[in-house]
Amino acid sequence: MKSHTRTSIFVASVALAAVFSAGCGGSEKDTRETGEIGGTISLNGVPLKEGSVCLTGERGTDVALGTIEPDGSFKMKYHQRNALPVGIYKITVSGGGPTEQPSPQELMANPQKYNVKNPIPEKYRTVKTTDLTAKVEPGQNPPLDIELKGTSK
């Protein structure tokens, strides 16, 4: 079951990245003001080393994705650009899966290495349940310092 959840999160992240890289249509005609934003993310005071941060605009149509680096930092991308439309965004987080896909032989030899529990508390995983928000202003924005609290179930 844990492996299935991890695989589902990975597949969803890849699919979301594919949608963003495809451009979602109309992005070249977008003339709204934009801002750049990034920051750091930690869970109970410990920087996250992998995963992604997603910002979803109030209307649900503007979605930006940032990959969490090993030092806990991230930089948001919107349609392959560093700038995203100005506005209020809900913040969701995914992460905790393995950084590599093991071969069947490796998985059999080291099952504990790849049996990684998703550490992100459930409330931060969906737009409906998260209480985290970010306001993106025109130009370069101050870094977001996101501190997640709690444990996953």
Protein backbone atom coordinates (compact mmCIF):
# COMPACT_ATOMS: atom_id res chain seq x y z
CA MET A 1 0.00 0.00 0.00
CA LYS A 2 2.79 2.43 0.87
CA SER A 3 4.56 1.64 -2.39
CA HIS A 4 1.29 2.26 -4.28
CA THR A 5 0.89 5.69 -2.64
CA ARG A 6 4.48 6.59 -3.41
CA THR A 7 4.06 5.49 -7.02
CA SER A 8 0.79 7.45 -7.32
CA ILE A 9 2.45 10.63 -6.03
CA PHE A 10 5.35 10.15 -8.45
CA VAL A 11 3.04 9.56 -11.42
CA ALA A 12 0.90 12.57 -10.48
CA SER A 13 4.00 14.78 -10.21
CA VAL A 14 5.26 13.63 -13.61
CA ALA A 15 1.84 14.19 -15.19
CA LEU A 16 1.59 17.66 -13.65
CA ALA A 17 5.08 18.52 -14.90
CA ALA A 18 4.11 17.33 -18.39
CA VAL A 19 1.05 19.58 -18.39
CA PHE A 20 3.17 22.56 -17.35
CA SER A 21 5.84 21.88 -19.94
CA ALA A 22 3.18 21.61 -22.64
CA GLY A 23 2.22 25.21 -21.88
CA CYS A 24 -1.47 24.66 -21.08
CA GLY A 25 -2.30 26.86 -24.07
CA GLY A 26 -2.64 30.63 -24.15
CA SER A 27 0.34 31.34 -21.92
CA GLU A 28 2.11 33.38 -24.64
CA LYS A 29 -0.83 35.84 -24.74
CA ASP A 30 -0.88 36.27 -20.95
CA THR A 31 -0.26 39.97 -20.28
CA ARG A 32 -0.92 39.99 -16.53
CA GLU A 33 1.66 41.38 -14.11
CA THR A 34 4.02 38.71 -12.81
CA GLY A 35 6.29 38.07 -9.87
CA GLU A 36 9.09 35.66 -9.02
CA ILE A 37 9.01 33.67 -5.80
CA GLY A 38 10.87 30.84 -4.13
CA GLY A 39 11.98 29.99 -0.63
CA THR A 40 12.67 27.18 1.78
CA ILE A 41 10.52 24.45 3.26
CA SER A 42 10.88 22.37 6.41
CA LEU A 43 8.89 19.85 8.39
CA ASN A 44 9.00 20.21 12.17
CA GLY A 45 12.17 22.30 11.85
CA VAL A 46 14.01 19.92 9.50
CA PRO A 47 14.49 21.00 5.84
CA LEU A 48 12.76 18.76 3.32
CA LYS A 49 15.24 17.23 0.88
CA GLU A 50 12.88 16.28 -1.96
CA GLY A 51 9.38 16.68 -3.27
CA SER A 52 7.50 19.60 -4.77
CA VAL A 53 5.69 22.76 -3.77
CA CYS A 54 2.59 23.70 -5.74
CA LEU A 55 0.94 27.14 -5.79
CA THR A 56 -2.67 27.21 -7.00
CA GLY A 57 -4.33 30.55 -7.74
CA GLU A 58 -7.69 31.57 -6.27
CA ARG A 59 -9.57 30.64 -9.47
CA GLY A 60 -7.73 27.32 -9.72
CA THR A 61 -6.47 28.06 -13.22
CA ASP A 62 -3.01 29.42 -12.36
CA VAL A 63 -0.77 26.65 -11.07
CA ALA A 64 2.98 26.91 -10.45
CA LEU A 65 5.33 24.12 -9.46
CA GLY A 66 8.64 24.19 -7.61
CA THR A 67 11.00 21.27 -7.09
CA ILE A 68 12.41 20.95 -3.57
CA GLU A 69 16.22 20.83 -3.68
CA PRO A 70 18.35 18.79 -1.21
CA ASP A 71 18.92 21.92 0.93
CA GLY A 72 15.14 22.53 1.27
CA SER A 73 15.04 25.42 -1.20
CA PHE A 74 12.64 25.74 -4.14
CA LYS A 75 11.93 28.15 -7.00
CA MET A 76 8.47 28.34 -8.52
CA LYS A 77 7.96 27.80 -12.27
CA TYR A 78 4.89 28.75 -14.29
CA HIS A 79 4.68 27.60 -17.93
CA GLN A 80 8.47 27.08 -17.98
CA ARG A 81 9.04 30.63 -16.74
CA ASN A 82 10.29 31.85 -13.38
CA ALA A 83 7.52 34.45 -13.10
CA LEU A 84 3.90 33.71 -12.25
CA PRO A 85 0.82 35.93 -12.29
CA VAL A 86 0.39 38.29 -9.34
CA GLY A 87 -2.22 37.09 -6.83
CA ILE A 88 -3.09 34.96 -3.83
CA TYR A 89 -2.16 31.27 -4.00
CA LYS A 90 -2.85 28.20 -1.88
CA ILE A 91 0.27 26.17 -1.14
CA THR A 92 0.32 22.37 -1.29
CA VAL A 93 3.28 20.06 -0.82
CA SER A 94 4.11 16.55 -1.98
CA GLY A 95 7.19 14.50 -1.29
CA GLY A 96 8.80 11.62 0.47
CA GLY A 97 9.19 9.17 -2.40
CA PRO A 98 12.44 7.66 -3.55
CA THR A 99 14.63 9.78 -5.82
CA GLU A 100 15.31 6.78 -8.08
CA GLN A 101 13.30 3.88 -9.42
CA PRO A 102 14.92 0.63 -8.27
CA SER A 103 15.30 -2.44 -10.43
CA PRO A 104 13.25 -5.45 -9.29
CA GLN A 105 16.48 -7.11 -8.12
CA GLU A 106 17.49 -4.06 -6.06
CA LEU A 107 14.01 -3.81 -4.57
CA MET A 108 14.14 -7.48 -3.52
CA ALA A 109 17.64 -7.09 -2.06
CA ASN A 110 16.91 -3.84 -0.13
CA PRO A 111 13.15 -3.51 0.45
CA GLN A 112 13.52 -1.14 3.44
CA LYS A 113 15.57 1.33 1.39
CA TYR A 114 12.60 1.92 -0.93
CA ASN A 115 9.77 1.63 1.60
CA VAL A 116 9.66 5.36 2.29
CA LYS A 117 6.64 6.81 4.07
CA ASN A 118 5.35 10.12 2.73
CA PRO A 119 6.30 12.51 5.55
CA ILE A 120 3.99 15.35 4.49
CA PRO A 121 1.00 15.73 6.85
CA GLU A 122 -2.23 15.16 4.92
CA LYS A 123 -3.60 18.68 5.47
CA TYR A 124 -0.82 20.16 3.30
CA ARG A 125 -1.37 17.77 0.38
CA THR A 126 -4.57 19.23 -1.17
CA VAL A 127 -5.92 22.67 -2.05
CA LYS A 128 -9.12 21.92 -0.09
CA THR A 129 -7.33 21.17 3.20
CA THR A 130 -4.20 23.33 3.23
CA ASP A 131 -4.10 26.47 5.36
CA LEU A 132 -0.94 27.75 3.69
CA THR A 133 -1.16 30.74 1.35
CA ALA A 134 1.24 33.02 -0.50
CA LYS A 135 0.74 36.45 -2.00
CA VAL A 136 2.75 37.04 -5.17
CA GLU A 137 3.50 40.72 -5.85
CA PRO A 138 4.97 42.20 -9.05
CA GLY A 139 8.74 41.70 -9.47
CA GLN A 140 11.04 39.74 -7.16
CA ASN A 141 9.23 38.65 -3.97
CA PRO A 142 10.83 37.97 -0.58
CA PRO A 143 11.54 34.26 0.03
CA LEU A 144 8.74 32.10 1.41
CA ASP A 145 9.81 30.27 4.55
CA ILE A 146 7.32 27.42 4.80
CA GLU A 147 7.28 25.49 8.07
CA LEU A 148 5.08 22.39 8.02
CA LYS A 149 3.98 21.00 11.39
CA GLY A 150 2.69 17.57 12.33
CA THR A 151 3.04 13.99 11.20
CA SER A 152 1.56 12.01 8.33
CA LYS A 153 -0.95 9.23 8.86
